[in-house]
Amino acid sequence: PLQLLAYYTAVEKGCDVDKPRNLAKSVTVE
């Protein structure tokens, strides 16, 4: 999904790495 792609982009930029830690785990599992 686009949302997932946008999330990864934000993570790569280092914008939302500290906050969505649980989300990152969910994405990794998926």
N, C-alpha and C. Protein backbone atom coordinates (compact mmCIF):
# COMPACT_ATOMS: atom_id res chain seq x y z
N PRO A 1 0.83 -1.22 0.00
CA PRO A 1 0.00 0.00 0.00
C PRO A 1 0.86 1.25 0.00
N LEU A 2 0.26 2.34 -0.45
CA LEU A 2 1.00 3.61 -0.50
C LEU A 2 1.38 4.05 0.90
N GLN A 3 0.50 3.80 1.85
CA GLN A 3 0.78 4.24 3.22
C GLN A 3 2.06 3.57 3.72
N LEU A 4 2.20 2.30 3.42
CA LEU A 4 3.39 1.57 3.86
C LEU A 4 4.63 2.17 3.20
N LEU A 5 4.52 2.47 1.92
CA LEU A 5 5.65 3.05 1.21
C LEU A 5 6.02 4.40 1.81
N ALA A 6 5.01 5.19 2.10
CA ALA A 6 5.25 6.51 2.69
C ALA A 6 5.91 6.35 4.05
N TYR A 7 5.48 5.35 4.79
CA TYR A 7 6.07 5.11 6.11
C TYR A 7 7.55 4.75 5.98
N TYR A 8 7.84 3.88 5.05
CA TYR A 8 9.24 3.49 4.85
C TYR A 8 10.08 4.70 4.45
N THR A 9 9.50 5.55 3.60
CA THR A 9 10.22 6.76 3.17
C THR A 9 10.52 7.64 4.36
N ALA A 10 9.55 7.80 5.23
CA ALA A 10 9.75 8.64 6.42
C ALA A 10 10.82 8.02 7.31
N VAL A 11 10.81 6.71 7.42
CA VAL A 11 11.80 6.04 8.27
C VAL A 11 13.19 6.24 7.68
N GLU A 12 13.29 6.09 6.37
CA GLU A 12 14.61 6.25 5.74
C GLU A 12 15.12 7.66 5.93
N LYS A 13 14.21 8.62 5.93
CA LYS A 13 14.62 10.02 6.12
C LYS A 13 14.94 10.28 7.58
N GLY A 14 14.46 9.41 8.46
CA GLY A 14 14.74 9.60 9.87
C GLY A 14 13.72 10.54 10.51
N CYS A 15 12.54 10.63 9.92
CA CYS A 15 11.52 11.54 10.46
C CYS A 15 10.73 10.83 11.55
N ASP A 16 10.36 9.60 11.29
CA ASP A 16 9.52 8.88 12.26
C ASP A 16 10.18 7.57 12.66
N VAL A 17 11.37 7.67 13.16
CA VAL A 17 12.06 6.45 13.57
C VAL A 17 11.90 6.23 15.06
N ASP A 18 11.82 7.34 15.78
CA ASP A 18 11.73 7.24 17.23
C ASP A 18 10.31 6.91 17.67
N LYS A 19 9.34 7.45 16.96
CA LYS A 19 7.95 7.29 17.40
C LYS A 19 7.38 5.91 17.04
N PRO A 20 7.20 5.62 15.78
CA PRO A 20 6.52 4.36 15.40
C PRO A 20 7.42 3.15 15.49
N ARG A 21 7.88 2.85 16.68
CA ARG A 21 8.75 1.68 16.82
C ARG A 21 7.91 0.41 16.70
N ASN A 22 6.75 0.41 17.33
CA ASN A 22 5.88 -0.77 17.24
C ASN A 22 5.42 -0.95 15.80
N LEU A 23 5.14 0.15 15.14
CA LEU A 23 4.69 0.08 13.76
C LEU A 23 5.79 -0.55 12.90
N ALA A 24 7.01 -0.16 13.16
CA ALA A 24 8.13 -0.71 12.39
C ALA A 24 8.17 -2.22 12.56
N LYS A 25 7.95 -2.68 13.79
CA LYS A 25 7.97 -4.13 14.03
C LYS A 25 6.85 -4.79 13.23
N SER A 26 5.69 -4.15 13.20
CA SER A 26 4.56 -4.71 12.47
C SER A 26 4.91 -4.79 10.99
N VAL A 27 5.50 -3.73 10.48
CA VAL A 27 5.85 -3.71 9.07
C VAL A 27 6.89 -4.78 8.77
N THR A 28 7.84 -4.93 9.67
CA THR A 28 8.88 -5.94 9.44
C THR A 28 8.27 -7.33 9.41
N VAL A 29 7.34 -7.58 10.30
CA VAL A 29 6.69 -8.90 10.34
C VAL A 29 5.92 -9.14 9.06
N GLU A 30 5.29 -8.08 8.56
CA GLU A 30 4.53 -8.25 7.34
C GLU A 30 5.49 -8.32 6.16
